[in-house]
Amino acid sequence: MTRHFLAAAFAAAFAFPALADGIAITDAYARSASPRAMTGAAFMTIQNSGAEDDRLIEARSPAAERVELHTHLIDASGVARMVEVKDGFPIPAGATHMLERGGDHVMFLGLTAPFEKGATVPVTLIFENAGEIEIEVPVDLSRGPGQGAMGGDGHGHGHGHGQMSSGG
């Protein structure tokens, strides 16, 4: 019975959004390609119920050597490539911004340990106005639609990270 109580308490801890100055973070989860992967990604919903626009400008985590904000762009040949978004993601007042597979996401480069199902990844999100919001992102390797060409890397693009570039 104690195990069920602890599991329920753990689940409840993630049911409530992280809040700061009108910014709410909900439905967060992280994925990696495999136990040997050196990269991973986190996805979430960011809602700005405040009266002022904000911007997610950075993310940090001890789970990786580097953490970047990324998106996918389709080039003239129709090939999707992942790029760092140095200016961050705008979160307009009264709007919701989705970080999701195949789109904007938090990218972990040089994982310090594998992302294992049931574990959590500490992440600090830095906003232009709301400041820092610390969250614990649960690892869910099965979440989201199907598995990509890289074995379920959580990006939904099927292209290697060797195609990353700066821009945005």
N, C-alpha and C. Protein backbone atom coordinates (compact mmCIF):
# COMPACT_ATOMS: atom_id res chain seq x y z
N MET A 1 0.82 -1.19 0.00
CA MET A 1 0.00 0.00 0.00
C MET A 1 0.86 1.25 0.00
N THR A 2 2.01 1.18 0.68
CA THR A 2 2.91 2.33 0.72
C THR A 2 3.43 2.66 -0.68
N ARG A 3 3.72 1.62 -1.48
CA ARG A 3 4.20 1.86 -2.84
C ARG A 3 3.16 2.60 -3.67
N HIS A 4 1.91 2.21 -3.53
CA HIS A 4 0.84 2.87 -4.28
C HIS A 4 0.69 4.31 -3.84
N PHE A 5 0.82 4.56 -2.55
CA PHE A 5 0.73 5.93 -2.04
C PHE A 5 1.86 6.78 -2.60
N LEU A 6 3.08 6.22 -2.59
CA LEU A 6 4.22 6.97 -3.12
C LEU A 6 4.07 7.21 -4.61
N ALA A 7 3.59 6.23 -5.35
CA ALA A 7 3.39 6.42 -6.79
C ALA A 7 2.33 7.49 -7.05
N ALA A 8 1.26 7.48 -6.24
CA ALA A 8 0.21 8.50 -6.41
C ALA A 8 0.75 9.88 -6.06
N ALA A 9 1.55 9.97 -5.01
CA ALA A 9 2.13 11.25 -4.61
C ALA A 9 3.08 11.76 -5.70
N PHE A 10 3.87 10.86 -6.28
CA PHE A 10 4.79 11.21 -7.35
C PHE A 10 4.01 11.74 -8.56
N ALA A 11 2.95 11.03 -8.95
CA ALA A 11 2.14 11.46 -10.09
C ALA A 11 1.48 12.80 -9.81
N ALA A 12 1.00 13.00 -8.60
CA ALA A 12 0.34 14.26 -8.24
C ALA A 12 1.32 15.43 -8.33
N ALA A 13 2.57 15.18 -8.00
CA ALA A 13 3.58 16.25 -8.04
C ALA A 13 3.73 16.79 -9.46
N PHE A 14 3.50 15.95 -10.47
CA PHE A 14 3.66 16.38 -11.85
C PHE A 14 2.35 16.85 -12.46
N ALA A 15 1.25 16.69 -11.75
CA ALA A 15 -0.06 17.09 -12.27
C ALA A 15 -0.26 18.59 -12.16
N PHE A 16 0.44 19.23 -11.25
CA PHE A 16 0.27 20.66 -11.04
C PHE A 16 1.31 21.42 -11.86
N PRO A 17 0.91 22.50 -12.47
CA PRO A 17 1.86 23.24 -13.31
C PRO A 17 2.88 24.01 -12.48
N ALA A 18 4.06 24.19 -13.07
CA ALA A 18 5.05 25.09 -12.48
C ALA A 18 4.63 26.49 -12.88
N LEU A 19 4.58 27.41 -11.93
CA LEU A 19 4.08 28.76 -12.18
C LEU A 19 5.09 29.82 -11.77
N ALA A 20 5.15 30.90 -12.55
CA ALA A 20 5.94 32.07 -12.19
C ALA A 20 5.48 33.23 -13.05
N ASP A 21 5.06 34.31 -12.44
CA ASP A 21 4.69 35.54 -13.14
C ASP A 21 3.81 35.30 -14.37
N GLY A 22 2.76 34.50 -14.20
CA GLY A 22 1.83 34.26 -15.28
C GLY A 22 2.24 33.16 -16.25
N ILE A 23 3.43 32.59 -16.08
CA ILE A 23 3.89 31.50 -16.94
C ILE A 23 3.61 30.18 -16.25
N ALA A 24 2.92 29.28 -16.94
CA ALA A 24 2.64 27.94 -16.42
C ALA A 24 3.25 26.91 -17.36
N ILE A 25 3.94 25.93 -16.79
CA ILE A 25 4.55 24.84 -17.55
C ILE A 25 3.77 23.58 -17.20
N THR A 26 3.19 22.92 -18.20
CA THR A 26 2.42 21.71 -17.97
C THR A 26 2.80 20.64 -18.98
N ASP A 27 2.39 19.42 -18.68
CA ASP A 27 2.49 18.29 -19.61
C ASP A 27 3.91 18.07 -20.12
N ALA A 28 4.91 18.25 -19.26
CA ALA A 28 6.30 18.09 -19.67
C ALA A 28 6.71 16.62 -19.67
N TYR A 29 7.52 16.25 -20.65
CA TYR A 29 8.14 14.93 -20.66
C TYR A 29 9.42 14.99 -21.47
N ALA A 30 10.32 14.03 -21.22
CA ALA A 30 11.61 13.98 -21.91
C ALA A 30 11.76 12.62 -22.56
N ARG A 31 12.56 12.59 -23.61
CA ARG A 31 12.85 11.35 -24.34
C ARG A 31 14.30 11.37 -24.81
N SER A 32 14.84 10.18 -25.04
CA SER A 32 16.12 10.03 -25.73
C SER A 32 15.97 8.89 -26.72
N ALA A 33 16.93 8.77 -27.62
CA ALA A 33 16.84 7.77 -28.68
C ALA A 33 17.00 6.35 -28.14
N SER A 34 17.91 6.17 -27.20
CA SER A 34 18.20 4.84 -26.67
C SER A 34 19.02 5.00 -25.40
N PRO A 35 19.22 3.89 -24.68
CA PRO A 35 20.05 3.98 -23.46
C PRO A 35 21.47 4.48 -23.73
N ARG A 36 21.96 4.32 -24.96
CA ARG A 36 23.32 4.76 -25.30
C ARG A 36 23.34 6.13 -25.95
N ALA A 37 22.20 6.76 -26.11
CA ALA A 37 22.11 8.06 -26.80
C ALA A 37 22.88 9.13 -26.03
N MET A 38 23.48 10.02 -26.78
CA MET A 38 24.18 11.16 -26.19
C MET A 38 23.32 12.42 -26.25
N THR A 39 22.12 12.30 -26.84
CA THR A 39 21.21 13.44 -26.93
C THR A 39 19.83 13.04 -26.44
N GLY A 40 19.07 14.05 -26.07
CA GLY A 40 17.69 13.84 -25.65
C GLY A 40 16.93 15.13 -25.87
N ALA A 41 15.64 15.09 -25.61
CA ALA A 41 14.81 16.28 -25.81
C ALA A 41 13.71 16.31 -24.78
N ALA A 42 13.24 17.52 -24.49
CA ALA A 42 12.10 17.70 -23.58
C ALA A 42 11.03 18.50 -24.31
N PHE A 43 9.80 18.15 -24.00
CA PHE A 43 8.63 18.75 -24.62
C PHE A 43 7.67 19.18 -23.52
N MET A 44 6.88 20.21 -23.76
CA MET A 44 5.97 20.72 -22.73
C MET A 44 5.05 21.76 -23.33
N THR A 45 4.09 22.17 -22.53
CA THR A 45 3.20 23.25 -22.89
C THR A 45 3.55 24.45 -22.01
N ILE A 46 3.74 25.61 -22.61
CA ILE A 46 4.04 26.84 -21.88
C ILE A 46 2.87 27.79 -22.11
N GLN A 47 2.23 28.18 -21.04
CA GLN A 47 1.09 29.10 -21.14
C GLN A 47 1.43 30.40 -20.43
N ASN A 48 1.15 31.51 -21.11
CA ASN A 48 1.38 32.83 -20.55
C ASN A 48 0.02 33.46 -20.26
N SER A 49 -0.40 33.42 -19.00
CA SER A 49 -1.68 34.04 -18.63
C SER A 49 -1.47 35.47 -18.15
N GLY A 50 -0.24 35.96 -18.25
CA GLY A 50 0.07 37.32 -17.83
C GLY A 50 -0.39 38.35 -18.84
N ALA A 51 -0.22 39.62 -18.46
CA ALA A 51 -0.64 40.73 -19.31
C ALA A 51 0.46 41.17 -20.28
N GLU A 52 1.69 40.64 -20.09
CA GLU A 52 2.82 41.03 -20.94
C GLU A 52 3.37 39.84 -21.70
N ASP A 53 3.85 40.11 -22.91
CA ASP A 53 4.53 39.08 -23.68
C ASP A 53 5.79 38.66 -22.93
N ASP A 54 6.21 37.42 -23.14
CA ASP A 54 7.45 36.93 -22.55
C ASP A 54 8.17 36.12 -23.61
N ARG A 55 9.33 35.60 -23.27
CA ARG A 55 10.13 34.82 -24.21
C ARG A 55 10.96 33.82 -23.41
N LEU A 56 10.90 32.55 -23.83
CA LEU A 56 11.81 31.55 -23.28
C LEU A 56 13.15 31.76 -23.97
N ILE A 57 14.17 32.15 -23.21
CA ILE A 57 15.44 32.52 -23.83
C ILE A 57 16.56 31.51 -23.60
N GLU A 58 16.37 30.60 -22.63
CA GLU A 58 17.45 29.65 -22.33
C GLU A 58 16.90 28.52 -21.49
N ALA A 59 17.61 27.40 -21.52
CA ALA A 59 17.31 26.27 -20.64
C ALA A 59 18.64 25.72 -20.15
N ARG A 60 18.63 25.21 -18.92
CA ARG A 60 19.84 24.63 -18.32
C ARG A 60 19.46 23.33 -17.63
N SER A 61 20.42 22.41 -17.56
CA SER A 61 20.20 21.16 -16.85
C SER A 61 21.53 20.49 -16.57
N PRO A 62 21.67 19.91 -15.38
CA PRO A 62 22.88 19.12 -15.11
C PRO A 62 22.86 17.77 -15.83
N ALA A 63 21.77 17.46 -16.54
CA ALA A 63 21.63 16.19 -17.24
C ALA A 63 22.42 16.14 -18.55
N ALA A 64 22.97 17.29 -18.99
CA ALA A 64 23.70 17.33 -20.25
C ALA A 64 24.81 18.37 -20.20
N GLU A 65 25.81 18.16 -21.05
CA GLU A 65 26.89 19.12 -21.16
C GLU A 65 26.39 20.45 -21.70
N ARG A 66 25.43 20.39 -22.62
CA ARG A 66 24.86 21.59 -23.22
C ARG A 66 23.36 21.41 -23.38
N VAL A 67 22.62 22.49 -23.16
CA VAL A 67 21.17 22.48 -23.36
C VAL A 67 20.85 23.67 -24.26
N GLU A 68 20.09 23.41 -25.32
CA GLU A 68 19.77 24.45 -26.29
C GLU A 68 18.28 24.41 -26.61
N LEU A 69 17.79 25.53 -27.10
CA LEU A 69 16.43 25.61 -27.61
C LEU A 69 16.50 25.34 -29.10
N HIS A 70 15.71 24.38 -29.58
CA HIS A 70 15.78 23.96 -30.98
C HIS A 70 14.41 23.99 -31.64
N THR A 71 14.44 24.03 -32.98
CA THR A 71 13.25 23.84 -33.79
C THR A 71 13.66 23.07 -35.04
N HIS A 72 12.68 22.75 -35.86
CA HIS A 72 12.93 22.10 -37.14
C HIS A 72 12.54 23.04 -38.26
N LEU A 73 13.39 23.10 -39.27
CA LEU A 73 13.11 23.88 -40.46
C LEU A 73 13.17 22.96 -41.67
N ILE A 74 12.33 23.22 -42.65
CA ILE A 74 12.34 22.47 -43.90
C ILE A 74 13.10 23.30 -44.92
N ASP A 75 14.17 22.72 -45.51
CA ASP A 75 14.95 23.48 -46.49
C ASP A 75 14.29 23.40 -47.87
N ALA A 76 14.91 24.03 -48.85
CA ALA A 76 14.35 24.10 -50.21
C ALA A 76 14.18 22.72 -50.83
N SER A 77 14.96 21.74 -50.38
CA SER A 77 14.86 20.38 -50.90
C SER A 77 13.80 19.56 -50.18
N GLY A 78 13.15 20.16 -49.20
CA GLY A 78 12.14 19.44 -48.43
C GLY A 78 12.70 18.60 -47.30
N VAL A 79 13.98 18.81 -46.98
CA VAL A 79 14.63 18.06 -45.91
C VAL A 79 14.50 18.84 -44.60
N ALA A 80 14.03 18.13 -43.57
CA ALA A 80 13.93 18.76 -42.25
C ALA A 80 15.30 18.75 -41.60
N ARG A 81 15.64 19.87 -41.00
CA ARG A 81 16.89 19.91 -40.23
C ARG A 81 16.64 20.66 -38.95
N MET A 82 17.32 20.23 -37.92
CA MET A 82 17.16 20.83 -36.62
C MET A 82 18.15 21.98 -36.48
N VAL A 83 17.67 23.10 -35.93
CA VAL A 83 18.52 24.27 -35.75
C VAL A 83 18.31 24.84 -34.34
N GLU A 84 19.36 25.42 -33.81
CA GLU A 84 19.25 26.11 -32.53
C GLU A 84 18.54 27.44 -32.77
N VAL A 85 17.68 27.80 -31.84
CA VAL A 85 16.96 29.08 -31.92
C VAL A 85 17.58 29.99 -30.85
N LYS A 86 18.56 30.76 -31.27
CA LYS A 86 19.33 31.58 -30.32
C LYS A 86 18.49 32.68 -29.67
N ASP A 87 17.45 33.17 -30.38
CA ASP A 87 16.61 34.22 -29.83
C ASP A 87 15.51 33.69 -28.92
N GLY A 88 15.38 32.38 -28.82
CA GLY A 88 14.37 31.77 -27.96
C GLY A 88 12.99 31.75 -28.60
N PHE A 89 12.01 31.35 -27.80
CA PHE A 89 10.64 31.21 -28.27
C PHE A 89 9.75 32.28 -27.65
N PRO A 90 9.08 33.09 -28.48
CA PRO A 90 8.16 34.09 -27.93
C PRO A 90 6.94 33.42 -27.32
N ILE A 91 6.51 33.93 -26.18
CA ILE A 91 5.31 33.45 -25.51
C ILE A 91 4.41 34.68 -25.31
N PRO A 92 3.55 34.99 -26.29
CA PRO A 92 2.70 36.18 -26.18
C PRO A 92 1.75 36.12 -24.99
N ALA A 93 1.39 37.28 -24.48
CA ALA A 93 0.42 37.36 -23.38
C ALA A 93 -0.87 36.67 -23.80
N GLY A 94 -1.41 35.86 -22.91
CA GLY A 94 -2.66 35.18 -23.17
C GLY A 94 -2.56 34.01 -24.14
N ALA A 95 -1.35 33.61 -24.50
CA ALA A 95 -1.17 32.55 -25.49
C ALA A 95 -0.49 31.32 -24.89
N THR A 96 -0.54 30.24 -25.64
CA THR A 96 0.11 28.99 -25.27
C THR A 96 1.10 28.63 -26.37
N HIS A 97 2.29 28.19 -25.97
CA HIS A 97 3.31 27.76 -26.93
C HIS A 97 3.65 26.31 -26.62
N MET A 98 3.52 25.45 -27.62
CA MET A 98 3.81 24.03 -27.45
C MET A 98 5.25 23.72 -27.85
N LEU A 99 5.95 23.03 -26.98
CA LEU A 99 7.23 22.44 -27.34
C LEU A 99 6.90 20.98 -27.59
N GLU A 100 7.01 20.56 -28.85
CA GLU A 100 6.52 19.24 -29.21
C GLU A 100 7.40 18.57 -30.25
N ARG A 101 7.24 17.26 -30.38
CA ARG A 101 8.02 16.49 -31.34
C ARG A 101 7.82 17.05 -32.74
N GLY A 102 8.93 17.18 -33.45
CA GLY A 102 8.87 17.70 -34.81
C GLY A 102 8.80 19.21 -34.89
N GLY A 103 8.84 19.88 -33.75
CA GLY A 103 8.76 21.34 -33.70
C GLY A 103 9.75 21.89 -32.69
N ASP A 104 9.35 22.93 -32.01
CA ASP A 104 10.20 23.54 -30.98
C ASP A 104 10.38 22.55 -29.83
N HIS A 105 11.58 22.53 -29.24
CA HIS A 105 11.86 21.65 -28.11
C HIS A 105 13.12 22.09 -27.38
N VAL A 106 13.32 21.53 -26.19
CA VAL A 106 14.55 21.73 -25.44
C VAL A 106 15.45 20.55 -25.77
N MET A 107 16.66 20.83 -26.24
CA MET A 107 17.60 19.80 -26.69
C MET A 107 18.72 19.63 -25.70
N PHE A 108 19.00 18.37 -25.32
CA PHE A 108 20.09 18.03 -24.41
C PHE A 108 21.21 17.40 -25.23
N LEU A 109 22.39 17.97 -25.19
CA LEU A 109 23.54 17.49 -25.95
C LEU A 109 24.63 17.04 -24.98
N GLY A 110 25.13 15.82 -25.16
CA GLY A 110 26.13 15.28 -24.27
C GLY A 110 25.52 14.87 -22.94
N LEU A 111 24.58 13.93 -22.98
CA LEU A 111 23.91 13.49 -21.75
C LEU A 111 24.92 12.99 -20.74
N THR A 112 24.73 13.35 -19.49
CA THR A 112 25.61 12.88 -18.42
C THR A 112 25.23 11.49 -17.94
N ALA A 113 24.00 11.06 -18.23
CA ALA A 113 23.51 9.71 -17.91
C ALA A 113 22.32 9.44 -18.83
N PRO A 114 22.03 8.19 -19.10
CA PRO A 114 20.88 7.88 -19.97
C PRO A 114 19.58 8.38 -19.37
N PHE A 115 18.64 8.74 -20.24
CA PHE A 115 17.29 9.07 -19.81
C PHE A 115 16.56 7.74 -19.64
N GLU A 116 16.20 7.39 -18.41
CA GLU A 116 15.53 6.12 -18.14
C GLU A 116 14.09 6.35 -17.77
N LYS A 117 13.20 5.53 -18.33
CA LYS A 117 11.77 5.66 -18.08
C LYS A 117 11.51 5.67 -16.57
N GLY A 118 10.70 6.60 -16.14
CA GLY A 118 10.36 6.72 -14.73
C GLY A 118 11.26 7.69 -13.96
N ALA A 119 12.40 8.04 -14.53
CA ALA A 119 13.29 9.00 -13.89
C ALA A 119 12.79 10.42 -14.20
N THR A 120 13.42 11.40 -13.59
CA THR A 120 13.11 12.79 -13.91
C THR A 120 14.39 13.53 -14.27
N VAL A 121 14.23 14.56 -15.06
CA VAL A 121 15.36 15.39 -15.50
C VAL A 121 15.14 16.79 -14.95
N PRO A 122 16.06 17.29 -14.12
CA PRO A 122 15.91 18.67 -13.64
C PRO A 122 16.24 19.66 -14.75
N VAL A 123 15.35 20.62 -14.95
CA VAL A 123 15.53 21.62 -16.00
C VAL A 123 15.18 22.99 -15.43
N THR A 124 16.01 23.96 -15.72
CA THR A 124 15.71 25.35 -15.39
C THR A 124 15.42 26.07 -16.69
N LEU A 125 14.20 26.60 -16.79
CA LEU A 125 13.80 27.39 -17.95
C LEU A 125 13.98 28.86 -17.60
N ILE A 126 14.61 29.63 -18.47
CA ILE A 126 14.86 31.04 -18.20
C ILE A 126 14.03 31.87 -19.18
N PHE A 127 13.18 32.72 -18.60
CA PHE A 127 12.32 33.59 -19.38
C PHE A 127 12.81 35.02 -19.26
N GLU A 128 12.59 35.79 -20.30
CA GLU A 128 13.01 37.19 -20.35
C GLU A 128 12.39 37.99 -19.20
N ASN A 129 11.10 37.81 -18.92
CA ASN A 129 10.42 38.57 -17.87
C ASN A 129 10.16 37.75 -16.62
N ALA A 130 9.69 36.53 -16.76
CA ALA A 130 9.32 35.71 -15.60
C ALA A 130 10.53 35.19 -14.85
N GLY A 131 11.71 35.23 -15.47
CA GLY A 131 12.92 34.75 -14.80
C GLY A 131 13.04 33.23 -14.90
N GLU A 132 13.62 32.63 -13.87
CA GLU A 132 13.90 31.20 -13.88
C GLU A 132 12.75 30.41 -13.29
N ILE A 133 12.42 29.32 -13.96
CA ILE A 133 11.42 28.37 -13.47
C ILE A 133 12.09 27.00 -13.46
N GLU A 134 12.18 26.40 -12.28
CA GLU A 134 12.79 25.08 -12.17
C GLU A 134 11.70 24.02 -12.21
N ILE A 135 11.91 23.01 -13.07
CA ILE A 135 10.94 21.93 -13.18
C ILE A 135 11.68 20.59 -13.16
N GLU A 136 10.95 19.55 -12.82
CA GLU A 136 11.44 18.18 -12.92
C GLU A 136 10.64 17.54 -14.05
N VAL A 137 11.31 17.15 -15.11
CA VAL A 137 10.65 16.62 -16.29
C VAL A 137 10.71 15.10 -16.25
N PRO A 138 9.56 14.43 -16.20
CA PRO A 138 9.56 12.97 -16.19
C PRO A 138 9.98 12.41 -17.53
N VAL A 139 10.76 11.32 -17.49
CA VAL A 139 11.19 10.65 -18.71
C VAL A 139 10.11 9.65 -19.10
N ASP A 140 9.63 9.77 -20.33
CA ASP A 140 8.62 8.88 -20.86
C ASP A 140 9.04 8.50 -22.27
N LEU A 141 9.67 7.35 -22.39
CA LEU A 141 10.23 6.94 -23.67
C LEU A 141 9.17 6.49 -24.67
N SER A 142 7.96 6.23 -24.20
CA SER A 142 6.92 5.72 -25.09
C SER A 142 5.92 6.78 -25.51
N ARG A 143 6.05 7.98 -24.97
CA ARG A 143 5.04 9.01 -25.21
C ARG A 143 5.14 9.61 -26.60
N GLY A 144 4.03 9.99 -27.13
CA GLY A 144 4.01 10.65 -28.43
C GLY A 144 3.78 9.66 -29.54
N PRO A 145 3.64 10.16 -30.76
CA PRO A 145 3.31 9.30 -31.89
C PRO A 145 4.47 8.47 -32.36
N GLY A 146 4.32 7.17 -32.38
CA GLY A 146 5.28 6.24 -32.98
C GLY A 146 6.72 6.48 -32.67
N GLN A 147 7.58 5.74 -33.30
CA GLN A 147 9.01 5.93 -33.13
C GLN A 147 9.59 6.44 -34.42
N GLY A 148 10.47 7.42 -34.31
CA GLY A 148 11.10 8.00 -35.49
C GLY A 148 12.15 7.07 -36.08
N ALA A 149 12.74 7.49 -37.16
CA ALA A 149 13.73 6.68 -37.86
C ALA A 149 14.97 6.42 -37.02
N MET A 150 15.17 7.22 -35.99
CA MET A 150 16.33 7.01 -35.12
C MET A 150 15.94 6.17 -33.92
N GLY A 151 14.83 5.44 -33.97
CA GLY A 151 14.45 4.56 -32.87
C GLY A 151 13.70 5.29 -31.79
N GLY A 152 12.93 6.28 -32.12
CA GLY A 152 12.14 6.96 -31.10
C GLY A 152 12.92 8.04 -30.39
N ASP A 153 13.57 8.90 -31.12
CA ASP A 153 14.42 9.92 -30.50
C ASP A 153 13.65 11.09 -29.94
N GLY A 154 12.34 11.10 -30.11
CA GLY A 154 11.55 12.18 -29.55
C GLY A 154 11.52 13.42 -30.41
N HIS A 155 12.08 13.34 -31.61
CA HIS A 155 12.10 14.53 -32.46
C HIS A 155 11.18 14.42 -33.66
N GLY A 156 10.85 13.19 -34.05
CA GLY A 156 9.94 13.00 -35.16
C GLY A 156 10.48 13.50 -36.49
N HIS A 157 11.80 13.49 -36.68
CA HIS A 157 12.33 13.99 -37.94
C HIS A 157 13.19 12.98 -38.67
N GLY A 158 13.76 12.00 -37.98
CA GLY A 158 14.52 10.97 -38.64
C GLY A 158 15.85 11.41 -39.21
N HIS A 159 16.35 12.57 -38.86
CA HIS A 159 17.66 13.04 -39.34
C HIS A 159 18.59 13.13 -38.15
N GLY A 160 19.87 12.83 -38.39
CA GLY A 160 20.84 12.84 -37.31
C GLY A 160 21.15 14.23 -36.83
N HIS A 161 21.76 14.28 -35.66
CA HIS A 161 22.11 15.57 -35.08
C HIS A 161 23.34 16.18 -35.73
N GLY A 162 23.94 15.45 -36.64
CA GLY A 162 25.06 16.02 -37.38
C GLY A 162 24.60 17.14 -38.29
N GLN A 163 23.28 17.29 -38.47
CA GLN A 163 22.75 18.34 -39.33
C GLN A 163 22.36 19.58 -38.56
N MET A 164 22.74 19.63 -37.28
CA MET A 164 22.38 20.82 -36.49
C MET A 164 23.18 22.00 -36.96
N SER A 165 22.57 23.17 -36.85
CA SER A 165 23.27 24.40 -37.17
C SER A 165 22.71 25.51 -36.33
N SER A 166 23.38 26.60 -36.30
CA SER A 166 22.88 27.76 -35.57
C SER A 166 21.99 28.57 -36.48
N GLY A 167 21.09 29.28 -35.89
CA GLY A 167 20.20 30.11 -36.68
C GLY A 167 18.97 30.43 -35.90
N GLY A 168 17.93 30.83 -36.59
CA GLY A 168 16.67 30.99 -35.90
C GLY A 168 16.28 32.39 -35.80
